[in-house]
Amino acid sequence: MNASRDVIDIAIIGSGFAGLCMGIQLKEAGFTDFFIAEQADTLGGTWRDNHYPGCACDVQSHVYSFSFAPNPDWSRQFAQQAEIRAYLERCAERFALAPYLHFGMGLVRAVFDEPQQRWQLSFRNGRQVSARVLVSGMGGLSRPALPDIPGLDSFKGARFHSQQWDHDYSLKGKRVAVIGTGASAIQFVPQIAPQVAHLDLFQRTPPWIMPKPDRAISPFERWLFRHVPVTQRVVRSAFYWALEGRVVGFAQHPRLMKLVQKIALRHLYKHVARPSLRQTLTPDYTIGCKRVLISNDYYPALSRSNVAVVTEGVQRIEADGVITDDGIKHPVDCLIFGTGFQATDPLPRDCIIGRGGVDLMDTWRDGAHAFKGTTVPGYPNLFLIVGPNTGLGHNSMILMIEAQVTYILDALKQMQQQRIASVDVKPTVESAYNQRLQDRLTRTIWNTGGCQSWYLDPRTGKNTTLWPGSTWRFRQVTRQFSLKDYVATLQPAPVLLSPATPQTTPEGSLS
């Protein structure tokens, strides 16, 4: 590559499930002028970045994988981080994506050039790229959320977010404070509790926890999946429909969640003997309002003699401890944040600039929104995978990713066939879509369950993260790209060259 601005047709940002799926499907459809830009040195997205102890998927392995690339060798019903990351690496190898993967390329800024109808991209390594199409596969759970606690910078011990786990720091014999009780903490707390001298878990709101139906997958089952593939398709289908049925309680008839809540209560009472601790761990909202977690070892870990659940608010942090609102000082050697991610602000400011120099974060000042979770007015040829309102509370996100990739691929095919330079979703179409979507969300458990969650935008109270329906319905919605929903700009008519006129290739084009 030379120092001039490189030229590419399609730029994909991110090499997790979303970016790899887009790249694989582009290649399978015959598109070859694309690249996948990854900020890190290896692929994997969230399954590379999150490597804390106990990190695992909370959806069955057979549905948490590409439909076109089943893995017969999953070792457990719920795969752990290393196994999922290895699966993604095998997919990249199987579909020969190596020439399209460019590592060490963190996106700094993407600006839409209106005269050229192209995205001008700047990367941290100095690369400048001009792309006709920009596909974001950066995901909604990629930017850690850290609490703004007075005195945090004065703390002299070790501290890190669960996504940036420091494996070189030994927790053995240490006094550890864990702030947050989200999905990550549920997994790592049971792993570190036996090692530490003492663990204070600072809980603002207790989560509902269901039993985790995990088990090892036997060698015979794996042999069967490999040699009789239809058996794995049957298992995947069974898991899919079992999970899909849960949408009825979440999105259609929230009152049914009271029945599910009884199962969670039995799980709590089975594993926590002390009445005072039971009361501390019992949520005061309907199950499903926040993310429902699954674990068999979290409650036993909190029942250990060296673990304390602290419900008083954190007032400030000092050099060697945490001070709670009741004035008590909790001595601490290491602070670990299990405080999740910036789900309602998934992208930093000044990252994506659309028509008229408008920052996407300004377009989303009242909450993130997109047409079919994929396109935003004023940002031509920008396609978001795992965009606003595509998250799930009941099934595998891979299903949503594949549906969005199908939609984007259809858009690219139509643009190619009809010589369209850019497409920009009509504001009226996008607005009407999101109004219908928000109307449906008001009747779901996420909006009626009586809690505040990261599903809701703190500025407006709108649910900007979740899809209020089934995955098969989302597949219907995204199965076809309709040009009538977009303003299309045609490519300039080709200039007919005389035989004496030399034809040149744009300098710096990507090979």
Protein backbone atom coordinates (compact mmCIF):
# COMPACT_ATOMS: atom_id res chain seq x y z
CA MET A 1 0.00 0.00 0.00
CA ASN A 2 1.36 3.48 -0.77
CA ALA A 3 0.80 6.61 1.28
CA SER A 4 -2.02 7.95 -0.95
CA ARG A 5 -5.66 7.29 -0.19
CA ASP A 6 -6.44 3.66 -0.96
CA VAL A 7 -9.61 2.86 -2.88
CA ILE A 8 -11.98 0.03 -2.00
CA ASP A 9 -15.58 -0.74 -2.86
CA ILE A 10 -16.80 -2.08 0.51
CA ALA A 11 -15.16 -1.47 3.89
CA ILE A 12 -16.25 -3.63 6.83
CA ILE A 13 -15.28 -2.48 10.32
CA GLY A 14 -14.80 -5.24 12.89
CA SER A 15 -13.95 -8.94 12.72
CA GLY A 16 -16.37 -10.46 15.21
CA PHE A 17 -19.43 -12.48 14.24
CA ALA A 18 -20.92 -9.51 12.35
CA GLY A 19 -17.87 -8.56 10.31
CA LEU A 20 -16.94 -12.14 9.46
CA CYS A 21 -20.50 -13.01 8.46
CA MET A 22 -20.62 -10.00 6.13
CA GLY A 23 -17.25 -10.88 4.62
CA ILE A 24 -18.12 -14.54 4.10
CA GLN A 25 -21.44 -13.77 2.44
CA LEU A 26 -19.91 -11.09 0.20
CA LYS A 27 -17.25 -13.52 -0.97
CA GLU A 28 -19.77 -16.33 -1.50
CA ALA A 29 -21.90 -13.94 -3.60
CA GLY A 30 -18.95 -13.03 -5.84
CA PHE A 31 -17.99 -9.67 -4.32
CA THR A 32 -14.22 -9.47 -3.99
CA ASP A 33 -13.48 -5.74 -3.73
CA PHE A 34 -13.83 -5.46 0.04
CA PHE A 35 -11.76 -5.58 3.19
CA ILE A 36 -12.34 -6.14 6.89
CA ALA A 37 -10.60 -3.58 9.10
CA GLU A 38 -9.85 -4.77 12.63
CA GLN A 39 -8.34 -2.56 15.33
CA ALA A 40 -6.68 -5.45 17.16
CA ASP A 41 -3.97 -7.83 15.98
CA THR A 42 -6.30 -10.82 15.75
CA LEU A 43 -9.93 -11.44 14.86
CA GLY A 44 -12.76 -12.33 17.22
CA GLY A 45 -14.55 -9.17 18.34
CA THR A 46 -16.18 -9.51 21.74
CA TRP A 47 -14.93 -13.11 22.05
CA ARG A 48 -11.36 -11.87 21.73
CA ASP A 49 -11.79 -8.84 23.98
CA ASN A 50 -13.66 -10.57 26.80
CA HIS A 51 -11.47 -13.23 28.39
CA TYR A 52 -12.25 -12.94 32.08
CA PRO A 53 -12.43 -16.16 34.15
CA GLY A 54 -15.63 -18.08 33.41
CA CYS A 55 -16.46 -16.13 30.25
CA ALA A 56 -18.99 -18.16 28.25
CA CYS A 57 -22.02 -17.85 26.03
CA ASP A 58 -25.45 -17.75 27.66
CA VAL A 59 -27.15 -19.26 24.60
CA GLN A 60 -26.71 -22.89 23.55
CA SER A 61 -23.67 -23.40 21.35
CA HIS A 62 -25.61 -24.98 18.49
CA VAL A 63 -27.61 -21.79 17.89
CA TYR A 64 -24.73 -19.47 18.74
CA SER A 65 -22.98 -20.25 15.47
CA PHE A 66 -23.52 -19.51 11.79
CA SER A 67 -26.31 -21.47 10.14
CA PHE A 68 -24.02 -22.03 7.15
CA ALA A 69 -21.09 -23.24 9.27
CA PRO A 70 -22.27 -25.62 11.99
CA ASN A 71 -19.67 -26.81 14.47
CA PRO A 72 -20.04 -30.52 15.30
CA ASP A 73 -17.27 -30.33 17.90
CA TRP A 74 -18.73 -28.08 20.59
CA SER A 75 -17.54 -29.55 23.89
CA ARG A 76 -20.35 -28.12 26.03
CA GLN A 77 -23.96 -27.08 25.72
CA PHE A 78 -22.84 -23.51 26.51
CA ALA A 79 -19.47 -22.88 24.90
CA GLN A 80 -16.75 -20.97 26.71
CA GLN A 81 -14.88 -17.98 25.34
CA ALA A 82 -11.78 -19.74 24.01
CA GLU A 83 -13.88 -22.28 22.11
CA ILE A 84 -16.05 -19.60 20.50
CA ARG A 85 -13.01 -17.60 19.49
CA ALA A 86 -11.42 -20.72 17.97
CA TYR A 87 -14.66 -21.33 16.04
CA LEU A 88 -14.47 -17.83 14.52
CA GLU A 89 -10.84 -18.39 13.54
CA ARG A 90 -11.78 -21.66 11.83
CA CYS A 91 -14.60 -19.92 9.94
CA ALA A 92 -12.16 -17.30 8.64
CA GLU A 93 -9.82 -20.08 7.53
CA ARG A 94 -12.57 -22.25 6.03
CA PHE A 95 -13.92 -19.38 3.91
CA ALA A 96 -10.44 -18.08 3.00
CA LEU A 97 -10.87 -14.60 4.47
CA ALA A 98 -7.17 -14.05 5.25
CA PRO A 99 -6.50 -11.81 2.20
CA TYR A 100 -9.42 -9.57 3.21
CA LEU A 101 -8.49 -9.15 6.88
CA HIS A 102 -6.43 -6.07 7.78
CA PHE A 103 -5.30 -5.93 11.41
CA GLY A 104 -4.11 -2.98 13.47
CA MET A 105 -6.65 -0.76 11.71
CA GLY A 106 -8.79 0.97 14.30
CA LEU A 107 -11.27 3.36 12.70
CA VAL A 108 -10.69 6.95 13.81
CA ARG A 109 -13.12 8.78 11.55
CA ALA A 110 -15.44 8.10 8.62
CA VAL A 111 -16.70 11.12 6.66
CA PHE A 112 -19.21 10.93 3.82
CA ASP A 113 -17.90 12.84 0.77
CA GLU A 114 -21.05 14.11 -0.96
CA PRO A 115 -19.53 15.14 -4.32
CA GLN A 116 -17.85 11.73 -4.69
CA GLN A 117 -20.61 9.75 -2.94
CA ARG A 118 -17.97 7.86 -0.99
CA TRP A 119 -16.84 7.37 2.59
CA GLN A 120 -13.40 8.76 3.41
CA LEU A 121 -11.94 6.69 6.24
CA SER A 122 -9.03 7.44 8.56
CA PHE A 123 -7.39 4.70 10.63
CA ARG A 124 -5.14 4.82 13.69
CA ASN A 125 -2.21 3.34 11.77
CA GLY A 126 -2.27 6.28 9.35
CA ARG A 127 -4.07 4.53 6.52
CA GLN A 128 -6.51 6.65 4.51
CA VAL A 129 -9.15 4.73 2.59
CA SER A 130 -11.93 5.78 0.22
CA ALA A 131 -14.86 3.33 0.28
CA ARG A 132 -18.15 3.42 -1.60
CA VAL A 133 -19.90 1.34 1.07
CA LEU A 134 -19.24 1.29 4.82
CA VAL A 135 -20.48 -1.63 6.92
CA SER A 136 -20.17 -1.33 10.69
CA GLY A 137 -19.69 -4.62 12.49
CA MET A 138 -18.47 -2.93 15.66
CA GLY A 139 -21.33 -4.25 17.78
CA GLY A 140 -23.40 -2.70 20.53
CA LEU A 141 -21.49 -4.17 23.50
CA SER A 142 -17.95 -3.11 22.71
CA ARG A 143 -17.35 0.06 24.75
CA PRO A 144 -16.95 -0.61 28.51
CA ALA A 145 -19.05 1.48 30.88
CA LEU A 146 -17.12 2.71 33.90
CA PRO A 147 -18.86 4.35 36.86
CA ASP A 148 -18.08 7.95 37.73
CA ILE A 149 -17.12 7.50 41.39
CA PRO A 150 -15.41 10.29 43.36
CA GLY A 151 -11.83 9.45 44.25
CA LEU A 152 -11.42 6.66 41.73
CA ASP A 153 -8.13 8.05 40.46
CA SER A 154 -6.73 8.09 43.99
CA PHE A 155 -6.97 4.30 44.34
CA LYS A 156 -3.48 2.77 44.69
CA GLY A 157 -4.33 -0.88 44.11
CA ALA A 158 -5.03 -2.80 40.91
CA ARG A 159 -8.22 -1.97 38.99
CA PHE A 160 -9.72 -3.12 35.72
CA HIS A 161 -12.99 -3.67 33.87
CA SER A 162 -14.03 -7.26 33.19
CA GLN A 163 -13.34 -6.74 29.48
CA GLN A 164 -9.74 -5.71 30.26
CA TRP A 165 -9.00 -8.49 32.73
CA ASP A 166 -5.44 -8.41 34.06
CA HIS A 167 -4.39 -12.07 34.09
CA ASP A 168 -0.89 -11.13 35.31
CA TYR A 169 -2.32 -9.85 38.59
CA SER A 170 -2.78 -12.66 41.10
CA LEU A 171 -5.96 -12.41 43.16
CA LYS A 172 -4.82 -15.09 45.57
CA GLY A 173 -5.10 -13.84 49.14
CA LYS A 174 -6.25 -10.38 48.04
CA ARG A 175 -9.15 -8.25 49.26
CA VAL A 176 -11.26 -7.69 46.15
CA ALA A 177 -14.15 -5.34 45.47
CA VAL A 178 -16.45 -6.15 42.55
CA ILE A 179 -18.70 -3.29 41.48
CA GLY A 180 -21.68 -4.41 39.42
CA THR A 181 -23.78 -7.55 39.15
CA GLY A 182 -24.33 -7.89 35.42
CA ALA A 183 -23.84 -10.83 33.08
CA SER A 184 -20.03 -10.72 33.32
CA ALA A 185 -19.91 -10.57 37.12
CA ILE A 186 -22.29 -13.53 37.32
CA GLN A 187 -19.64 -15.55 35.48
CA PHE A 188 -16.38 -14.34 37.02
CA VAL A 189 -17.38 -13.98 40.68
CA PRO A 190 -17.74 -17.78 41.22
CA GLN A 191 -14.34 -18.27 39.58
CA ILE A 192 -12.42 -15.83 41.78
CA ALA A 193 -14.28 -16.26 45.11
CA PRO A 194 -12.32 -19.38 46.17
CA GLN A 195 -9.00 -17.61 45.50
CA VAL A 196 -9.41 -14.31 47.31
CA ALA A 197 -9.04 -13.59 51.01
CA HIS A 198 -12.25 -11.57 50.94
CA LEU A 199 -14.65 -10.37 48.26
CA ASP A 200 -17.10 -7.47 48.61
CA LEU A 201 -19.73 -7.50 45.89
CA PHE A 202 -21.29 -4.05 45.57
CA GLN A 203 -24.83 -4.64 44.34
CA ARG A 204 -27.13 -1.84 43.27
CA THR A 205 -29.94 -4.02 41.92
CA PRO A 206 -30.04 -7.83 42.20
CA PRO A 207 -30.52 -9.71 38.91
CA TRP A 208 -32.97 -12.53 38.31
CA ILE A 209 -31.04 -15.75 37.77
CA MET A 210 -32.32 -18.93 36.18
CA PRO A 211 -30.72 -22.40 36.33
CA LYS A 212 -28.17 -23.01 33.58
CA PRO A 213 -28.90 -26.28 31.75
CA ASP A 214 -25.25 -26.83 30.88
CA ARG A 215 -23.49 -30.15 30.38
CA ALA A 216 -20.64 -31.69 28.46
CA ILE A 217 -21.46 -32.92 24.95
CA SER A 218 -20.40 -36.56 24.76
CA PRO A 219 -17.86 -37.92 22.23
CA PHE A 220 -20.63 -40.04 20.73
CA GLU A 221 -22.84 -37.00 20.17
CA ARG A 222 -19.96 -35.14 18.52
CA TRP A 223 -19.24 -38.17 16.30
CA LEU A 224 -22.90 -38.25 15.31
CA PHE A 225 -22.99 -34.52 14.52
CA ARG A 226 -19.90 -34.86 12.35
CA HIS A 227 -20.89 -38.00 10.43
CA VAL A 228 -24.68 -37.59 10.36
CA PRO A 229 -25.07 -33.78 10.03
CA VAL A 230 -28.85 -33.94 10.01
CA THR A 231 -28.74 -34.83 13.72
CA GLN A 232 -27.10 -31.52 14.53
CA ARG A 233 -29.63 -29.65 12.40
CA VAL A 234 -32.41 -31.31 14.39
CA VAL A 235 -30.76 -30.35 17.71
CA ARG A 236 -30.23 -26.77 16.52
CA SER A 237 -33.84 -26.53 15.42
CA ALA A 238 -35.08 -27.87 18.76
CA PHE A 239 -33.02 -25.32 20.69
CA TYR A 240 -34.09 -22.54 18.34
CA TRP A 241 -37.81 -23.13 18.79
CA ALA A 242 -37.48 -23.65 22.54
CA LEU A 243 -35.74 -20.28 22.83
CA GLU A 244 -38.03 -18.60 20.32
CA GLY A 245 -41.07 -19.52 22.39
CA ARG A 246 -39.79 -17.24 25.15
CA VAL A 247 -40.63 -14.16 23.08
CA VAL A 248 -44.29 -14.62 24.01
CA GLY A 249 -43.58 -13.68 27.62
CA PHE A 250 -41.04 -10.98 26.87
CA ALA A 251 -42.80 -9.10 24.11
CA GLN A 252 -46.41 -10.23 23.74
CA HIS A 253 -47.89 -11.26 27.10
CA PRO A 254 -45.62 -9.94 29.88
CA ARG A 255 -47.91 -11.30 32.60
CA LEU A 256 -46.67 -14.79 31.73
CA MET A 257 -43.26 -13.82 33.13
CA LYS A 258 -44.69 -14.20 36.64
CA LEU A 259 -44.69 -17.96 36.03
CA VAL A 260 -41.05 -17.87 34.97
CA GLN A 261 -40.28 -15.83 38.08
CA LYS A 262 -41.42 -18.71 40.27
CA ILE A 263 -38.71 -20.91 38.72
CA ALA A 264 -36.08 -18.26 39.45
CA LEU A 265 -37.29 -17.94 43.06
CA ARG A 266 -37.03 -21.70 43.56
CA HIS A 267 -33.50 -21.53 42.18
CA LEU A 268 -32.62 -18.79 44.68
CA TYR A 269 -34.14 -20.61 47.66
CA LYS A 270 -32.44 -23.87 46.69
CA HIS A 271 -28.93 -22.36 46.75
CA VAL A 272 -29.15 -19.63 49.41
CA ALA A 273 -29.95 -20.84 52.93
CA ARG A 274 -29.63 -17.58 54.89
CA PRO A 275 -32.93 -15.66 54.94
CA SER A 276 -31.15 -12.27 55.10
CA LEU A 277 -29.04 -13.07 52.02
CA ARG A 278 -32.10 -14.38 50.19
CA GLN A 279 -33.85 -11.09 50.81
CA THR A 280 -30.82 -9.15 49.60
CA LEU A 281 -30.70 -11.20 46.38
CA THR A 282 -34.43 -11.04 45.61
CA PRO A 283 -35.24 -8.45 42.90
CA ASP A 284 -38.22 -6.12 43.30
CA TYR A 285 -39.12 -6.04 39.60
CA THR A 286 -40.67 -8.57 37.24
CA ILE A 287 -38.25 -11.04 35.69
CA GLY A 288 -37.29 -10.07 32.15
CA CYS A 289 -37.33 -6.33 32.76
CA LYS A 290 -33.54 -6.51 32.97
CA ARG A 291 -31.43 -9.13 31.24
CA VAL A 292 -32.26 -12.59 32.60
CA LEU A 293 -29.05 -14.33 33.67
CA ILE A 294 -28.28 -18.04 33.95
CA SER A 295 -25.90 -19.61 36.48
CA ASN A 296 -25.59 -22.62 38.74
CA ASP A 297 -22.62 -21.38 40.77
CA TYR A 298 -23.30 -17.66 41.43
CA TYR A 299 -25.60 -18.12 44.44
CA PRO A 300 -23.30 -20.72 46.06
CA ALA A 301 -20.38 -18.32 45.59
CA LEU A 302 -22.24 -15.52 47.38
CA SER A 303 -22.99 -17.90 50.25
CA ARG A 304 -19.29 -18.41 50.98
CA SER A 305 -17.94 -17.13 54.31
CA ASN A 306 -15.36 -14.91 52.56
CA VAL A 307 -17.94 -13.15 50.35
CA ALA A 308 -20.17 -10.24 51.38
CA VAL A 309 -22.93 -8.62 49.32
CA VAL A 310 -22.93 -4.87 49.96
CA THR A 311 -26.12 -2.99 49.09
CA GLU A 312 -25.16 0.45 50.43
CA GLY A 313 -24.29 2.89 47.67
CA VAL A 314 -20.64 3.67 46.94
CA GLN A 315 -19.92 7.19 48.22
CA ARG A 316 -16.28 7.46 47.22
CA ILE A 317 -13.07 5.54 46.72
CA GLU A 318 -9.89 6.13 48.69
CA ALA A 319 -6.33 4.93 48.16
CA ASP A 320 -6.94 1.59 49.84
CA GLY A 321 -10.68 1.11 50.09
CA VAL A 322 -14.28 1.83 49.20
CA ILE A 323 -16.42 4.11 51.39
CA THR A 324 -20.15 3.39 51.31
CA ASP A 325 -23.02 5.77 52.11
CA ASP A 326 -23.23 4.45 55.67
CA GLY A 327 -19.67 5.65 56.29
CA ILE A 328 -18.13 2.17 56.45
CA LYS A 329 -14.74 1.69 54.82
CA HIS A 330 -14.22 -1.58 52.95
CA PRO A 331 -10.46 -2.31 52.62
CA VAL A 332 -9.56 -3.24 49.03
CA ASP A 333 -6.45 -4.43 47.19
CA CYS A 334 -8.12 -4.78 43.78
CA LEU A 335 -11.16 -3.15 42.16
CA ILE A 336 -12.97 -5.06 39.39
CA PHE A 337 -15.77 -3.41 37.43
CA GLY A 338 -18.55 -5.67 36.19
CA THR A 339 -20.48 -2.63 35.00
CA GLY A 340 -21.22 -3.66 31.43
CA PHE A 341 -21.09 -1.57 28.28
CA GLN A 342 -22.33 1.66 26.73
CA ALA A 343 -25.15 -0.07 24.87
CA THR A 344 -27.17 3.08 24.15
CA ASP A 345 -24.04 4.97 22.94
CA PRO A 346 -22.20 2.24 21.03
CA LEU A 347 -20.00 4.61 19.01
CA PRO A 348 -17.75 7.48 20.12
CA ARG A 349 -18.41 11.06 19.08
CA ASP A 350 -16.68 12.32 15.91
CA CYS A 351 -16.41 8.80 14.51
CA ILE A 352 -19.07 8.75 11.78
CA ILE A 353 -19.91 11.99 9.96
CA GLY A 354 -22.72 12.01 7.39
CA ARG A 355 -24.26 14.49 4.98
CA GLY A 356 -23.65 18.13 5.84
CA GLY A 357 -20.96 17.21 8.35
CA VAL A 358 -23.49 15.89 10.88
CA ASP A 359 -22.09 13.59 13.55
CA LEU A 360 -24.08 10.36 14.00
CA MET A 361 -24.08 11.05 17.74
CA ASP A 362 -25.95 14.32 17.08
CA THR A 363 -28.48 12.48 14.92
CA TRP A 364 -28.89 10.13 17.88
CA ARG A 365 -29.00 12.84 20.56
CA ASP A 366 -32.51 11.66 21.53
CA GLY A 367 -31.60 8.00 21.33
CA ALA A 368 -30.20 5.68 18.67
CA HIS A 369 -32.53 4.73 15.82
CA ALA A 370 -32.29 3.15 12.38
CA PHE A 371 -34.47 1.65 9.67
CA LYS A 372 -34.62 -2.09 10.29
CA GLY A 373 -31.71 -1.55 12.66
CA THR A 374 -29.49 -1.07 9.63
CA THR A 375 -29.66 2.33 7.90
CA VAL A 376 -29.94 5.92 9.14
CA PRO A 377 -31.15 8.94 7.09
CA GLY A 378 -28.33 11.26 6.13
CA TYR A 379 -25.71 8.50 6.09
CA PRO A 380 -25.76 7.04 2.56
CA ASN A 381 -24.27 3.61 2.02
CA LEU A 382 -23.71 3.15 5.74
CA PHE A 383 -25.03 -0.19 6.97
CA LEU A 384 -25.06 -1.07 10.67
CA ILE A 385 -24.98 -4.70 11.80
CA VAL A 386 -26.29 -5.12 15.35
CA GLY A 387 -27.64 -1.59 15.07
CA PRO A 388 -30.39 0.03 17.17
CA ASN A 389 -33.24 -2.25 18.26
CA THR A 390 -31.73 -5.46 16.94
CA GLY A 391 -30.76 -6.93 20.31
CA LEU A 392 -32.55 -9.95 21.77
CA GLY A 393 -33.66 -11.04 25.18
CA HIS A 394 -34.76 -14.52 24.18
CA ASN A 395 -32.61 -16.05 21.43
CA SER A 396 -29.25 -16.03 19.64
CA MET A 397 -27.90 -12.76 18.20
CA ILE A 398 -26.32 -14.69 15.35
CA LEU A 399 -29.81 -15.09 13.89
CA MET A 400 -30.22 -11.31 13.77
CA ILE A 401 -26.75 -10.80 12.31
CA GLU A 402 -27.44 -13.22 9.47
CA ALA A 403 -30.78 -11.53 8.74
CA GLN A 404 -29.14 -8.10 8.52
CA VAL A 405 -26.36 -9.43 6.29
CA THR A 406 -29.01 -10.85 3.95
CA TYR A 407 -30.63 -7.40 3.77
CA ILE A 408 -27.32 -5.60 3.11
CA LEU A 409 -26.27 -8.14 0.49
CA ASP A 410 -29.57 -7.67 -1.37
CA ALA A 411 -29.01 -3.90 -1.28
CA LEU A 412 -25.53 -4.28 -2.76
CA LYS A 413 -26.76 -6.62 -5.49
CA GLN A 414 -29.52 -4.21 -6.53
CA MET A 415 -27.10 -1.27 -6.49
CA GLN A 416 -24.71 -3.22 -8.70
CA GLN A 417 -27.41 -4.29 -11.14
CA GLN A 418 -28.93 -0.81 -11.46
CA ARG A 419 -25.67 1.18 -11.39
CA ILE A 420 -26.59 2.99 -8.20
CA ALA A 421 -23.82 4.96 -6.51
CA SER A 422 -25.53 5.41 -3.13
CA VAL A 423 -28.74 4.78 -1.23
CA ASP A 424 -30.04 6.87 1.65
CA VAL A 425 -33.12 5.76 3.59
CA LYS A 426 -35.97 8.28 3.43
CA PRO A 427 -36.47 10.11 6.75
CA THR A 428 -40.25 9.58 6.62
CA VAL A 429 -39.81 5.84 6.09
CA GLU A 430 -37.33 5.49 8.94
CA SER A 431 -39.40 7.64 11.29
CA ALA A 432 -42.62 5.70 10.63
CA TYR A 433 -40.79 2.39 11.13
CA ASN A 434 -39.39 3.47 14.49
CA GLN A 435 -42.69 4.91 15.67
CA ARG A 436 -44.34 1.53 15.08
CA LEU A 437 -41.41 -0.19 16.78
CA GLN A 438 -41.57 2.05 19.88
CA ASP A 439 -45.35 1.57 20.10
CA ARG A 440 -44.79 -2.19 20.27
CA LEU A 441 -42.01 -1.82 22.83
CA THR A 442 -44.26 0.06 25.28
CA ARG A 443 -46.20 -3.17 25.81
CA THR A 444 -43.19 -5.43 26.44
CA ILE A 445 -41.76 -6.60 29.76
CA TRP A 446 -38.71 -4.40 29.18
CA ASN A 447 -40.88 -1.29 29.43
CA THR A 448 -43.53 -2.49 31.88
CA GLY A 449 -41.52 -4.63 34.33
CA GLY A 450 -40.78 -1.86 36.81
CA CYS A 451 -37.01 -1.41 36.47
CA GLN A 452 -34.31 0.75 34.94
CA SER A 453 -32.01 -1.20 32.64
CA TRP A 454 -29.30 -0.66 30.05
CA TYR A 455 -31.94 -1.48 27.44
CA LEU A 456 -33.40 2.01 27.95
CA ASP A 457 -31.77 5.23 26.85
CA PRO A 458 -31.19 7.29 30.03
CA ARG A 459 -31.98 10.54 28.21
CA THR A 460 -35.40 9.59 26.89
CA GLY A 461 -36.43 6.33 28.52
CA LYS A 462 -36.84 4.78 25.06
CA ASN A 463 -35.79 1.20 24.47
CA THR A 464 -33.18 1.65 21.75
CA THR A 465 -31.53 -1.75 22.01
CA LEU A 466 -34.04 -4.60 21.71
CA TRP A 467 -36.19 -6.04 18.94
CA PRO A 468 -39.78 -6.47 20.19
CA GLY A 469 -40.59 -9.66 18.37
CA SER A 470 -39.48 -13.03 17.08
CA THR A 471 -36.35 -13.66 15.06
CA TRP A 472 -38.33 -15.20 12.23
CA ARG A 473 -40.35 -11.97 12.02
CA PHE A 474 -37.12 -9.98 11.79
CA ARG A 475 -35.97 -12.30 9.00
CA GLN A 476 -39.20 -11.49 7.16
CA VAL A 477 -38.67 -7.77 7.66
CA THR A 478 -35.09 -7.94 6.30
CA ARG A 479 -35.42 -10.64 3.64
CA GLN A 480 -35.55 -8.09 0.81
CA PHE A 481 -34.14 -4.63 0.21
CA SER A 482 -36.77 -2.30 -1.27
CA LEU A 483 -35.46 0.68 -3.24
CA LYS A 484 -38.75 2.56 -2.76
CA ASP A 485 -37.70 3.12 0.87
CA TYR A 486 -34.53 4.93 -0.25
CA VAL A 487 -33.30 7.92 -2.21
CA ALA A 488 -30.96 6.44 -4.82
CA THR A 489 -28.17 8.36 -6.56
CA LEU A 490 -27.11 6.87 -9.88
CA GLN A 491 -23.51 6.41 -10.95
CA PRO A 492 -22.26 8.82 -13.60
CA ALA A 493 -22.72 7.56 -17.13
CA PRO A 494 -19.58 5.79 -18.37
CA VAL A 495 -17.33 7.87 -20.61
CA LEU A 496 -16.64 6.20 -23.93
CA LEU A 497 -12.93 6.38 -24.60
CA SER A 498 -11.36 6.62 -28.03
CA PRO A 499 -8.83 3.91 -28.93
CA ALA A 500 -6.00 6.44 -28.46
CA THR A 501 -7.04 7.32 -24.92
CA PRO A 502 -5.21 5.22 -22.31
CA GLN A 503 -7.25 3.62 -19.49
CA THR A 504 -5.79 3.83 -16.01
CA THR A 505 -6.45 2.15 -12.71
CA PRO A 506 -6.97 4.44 -9.67
CA GLU A 507 -3.67 4.87 -7.86
CA GLY A 508 -3.55 3.22 -4.47
CA SER A 509 -6.48 0.84 -5.09
CA LEU A 510 -6.65 -2.10 -2.75
CA SER A 511 -5.80 -5.48 -4.22
